[in-house]
Amino acid sequence: MDVLALPLEKALTRLQGEQVQVVRSEPHFRRCGITTGPGMEYVVRQHWLDNDKVVLTTVIKYRKEVLENGIED
């Protein structure tokens, strides 16, 4: 089953009953603490292993927010 480009939660629902391993990839600016707020996690790679296990690689998409004074966060 193809779950590419789906939000992780929806992908896991579709793969219910399968062995799933999730590999999370965070952008450099997130590790440095530059962004704020939660992001939405999406599947960008799906790889089936020989033992009927699927490995999903995900990235997090963050929204750009504008504060009350018009400055972007």
C-alpha atoms as a PDB file:
ATOM      1  CA  MET A   1       0.000   0.000   0.000  1.00  0.00           C
ATOM      2  CA  ASP A   2       1.353   3.404  -0.992  1.00  0.00           C
ATOM      3  CA  VAL A   3       1.340   5.997   1.809  1.00  0.00           C
ATOM      4  CA  LEU A   4       3.754   8.557   0.338  1.00  0.00           C
ATOM      5  CA  ALA A   5       2.921  12.235   0.992  1.00  0.00           C
ATOM      6  CA  LEU A   6       0.322  11.342   3.621  1.00  0.00           C
ATOM      7  CA  PRO A   7       0.388  12.726   7.146  1.00  0.00           C
ATOM      8  CA  LEU A   8       2.081  10.156   9.396  1.00  0.00           C
ATOM      9  CA  GLU A   9      -1.034   9.526  11.473  1.00  0.00           C
ATOM     10  CA  LYS A  10      -3.092   8.683   8.381  1.00  0.00           C
ATOM     11  CA  ALA A  11      -0.279   6.502   6.962  1.00  0.00           C
ATOM     12  CA  LEU A  12      -0.075   4.489  10.190  1.00  0.00           C
ATOM     13  CA  THR A  13      -3.838   3.975  10.113  1.00  0.00           C
ATOM     14  CA  ARG A  14      -3.644   2.607   6.554  1.00  0.00           C
ATOM     15  CA  LEU A  15      -0.743   0.307   7.492  1.00  0.00           C
ATOM     16  CA  GLN A  16      -2.485  -1.057  10.566  1.00  0.00           C
ATOM     17  CA  GLY A  17      -1.504  -4.679  11.091  1.00  0.00           C
ATOM     18  CA  GLU A  18       1.892  -4.256   9.382  1.00  0.00           C
ATOM     19  CA  GLN A  19       5.246  -3.969  11.140  1.00  0.00           C
ATOM     20  CA  VAL A  20       6.223  -0.298  10.784  1.00  0.00           C
ATOM     21  CA  GLN A  21       9.418   1.526  11.696  1.00  0.00           C
ATOM     22  CA  VAL A  22       9.397   5.350  11.548  1.00  0.00           C
ATOM     23  CA  VAL A  23      12.586   7.302  10.848  1.00  0.00           C
ATOM     24  CA  ARG A  24      12.126  10.981  11.645  1.00  0.00           C
ATOM     25  CA  SER A  25      14.196  13.586   9.826  1.00  0.00           C
ATOM     26  CA  GLU A  26      14.259  17.077  11.354  1.00  0.00           C
ATOM     27  CA  PRO A  27      15.595  20.127   9.535  1.00  0.00           C
ATOM     28  CA  HIS A  28      18.714  21.813  10.885  1.00  0.00           C
ATOM     29  CA  PHE A  29      16.882  25.010  11.869  1.00  0.00           C
ATOM     30  CA  ARG A  30      14.507  23.016  14.091  1.00  0.00           C
ATOM     31  CA  ARG A  31      17.406  21.424  15.978  1.00  0.00           C
ATOM     32  CA  CYS A  32      18.818  24.906  16.575  1.00  0.00           C
ATOM     33  CA  GLY A  33      15.533  26.042  18.147  1.00  0.00           C
ATOM     34  CA  ILE A  34      14.699  28.645  15.493  1.00  0.00           C
ATOM     35  CA  THR A  35      11.097  27.538  14.838  1.00  0.00           C
ATOM     36  CA  THR A  36       8.184  27.591  17.225  1.00  0.00           C
ATOM     37  CA  GLY A  37       4.981  25.643  17.399  1.00  0.00           C
ATOM     38  CA  PRO A  38       4.125  22.136  16.270  1.00  0.00           C
ATOM     39  CA  GLY A  39       4.543  20.952  12.720  1.00  0.00           C
ATOM     40  CA  MET A  40       2.746  18.372  10.620  1.00  0.00           C
ATOM     41  CA  GLU A  41       4.679  15.145   9.974  1.00  0.00           C
ATOM     42  CA  TYR A  42       4.522  13.690   6.430  1.00  0.00           C
ATOM     43  CA  VAL A  43       5.832  10.477   4.862  1.00  0.00           C
ATOM     44  CA  VAL A  44       8.487  11.198   2.190  1.00  0.00           C
ATOM     45  CA  ARG A  45       9.955   7.714   1.731  1.00  0.00           C
ATOM     46  CA  GLN A  46       8.519   4.224   2.031  1.00  0.00           C
ATOM     47  CA  HIS A  47      10.752   1.153   1.909  1.00  0.00           C
ATOM     48  CA  TRP A  48       9.570  -2.453   2.260  1.00  0.00           C
ATOM     49  CA  LEU A  49      12.122  -4.819   3.795  1.00  0.00           C
ATOM     50  CA  ASP A  50      12.413  -8.540   3.060  1.00  0.00           C
ATOM     51  CA  ASN A  51      10.859  -9.469   6.409  1.00  0.00           C
ATOM     52  CA  ASP A  52       7.531  -7.746   5.517  1.00  0.00           C
ATOM     53  CA  LYS A  53       8.427  -4.703   7.571  1.00  0.00           C
ATOM     54  CA  VAL A  54       7.951  -1.194   6.181  1.00  0.00           C
ATOM     55  CA  VAL A  55      10.284   1.702   7.013  1.00  0.00           C
ATOM     56  CA  LEU A  56       8.746   5.155   6.704  1.00  0.00           C
ATOM     57  CA  THR A  57      10.943   8.256   6.566  1.00  0.00           C
ATOM     58  CA  THR A  58       9.169  11.431   7.598  1.00  0.00           C
ATOM     59  CA  VAL A  59       9.784  15.166   7.579  1.00  0.00           C
ATOM     60  CA  ILE A  60       8.012  17.869   9.527  1.00  0.00           C
ATOM     61  CA  LYS A  61       6.382  20.780   7.713  1.00  0.00           C
ATOM     62  CA  TYR A  62       6.208  23.937   9.803  1.00  0.00           C
ATOM     63  CA  ARG A  63       3.869  26.842   9.231  1.00  0.00           C
ATOM     64  CA  LYS A  64       5.317  30.302   8.999  1.00  0.00           C
ATOM     65  CA  GLU A  65       3.573  32.525  11.538  1.00  0.00           C
ATOM     66  CA  VAL A  66       3.207  36.299  11.556  1.00  0.00           C
ATOM     67  CA  LEU A  67       3.070  37.924  14.977  1.00  0.00           C
ATOM     68  CA  GLU A  68       0.708  40.756  15.979  1.00  0.00           C
ATOM     69  CA  ASN A  69       3.293  43.427  15.133  1.00  0.00           C
ATOM     70  CA  GLY A  70       3.789  42.012  11.618  1.00  0.00           C
ATOM     71  CA  ILE A  71       7.139  40.339  12.276  1.00  0.00           C
ATOM     72  CA  GLU A  72       7.486  36.825  10.904  1.00  0.00           C
ATOM     73  CA  ASP A  73       8.400  34.087  13.333  1.00  0.00           C
END
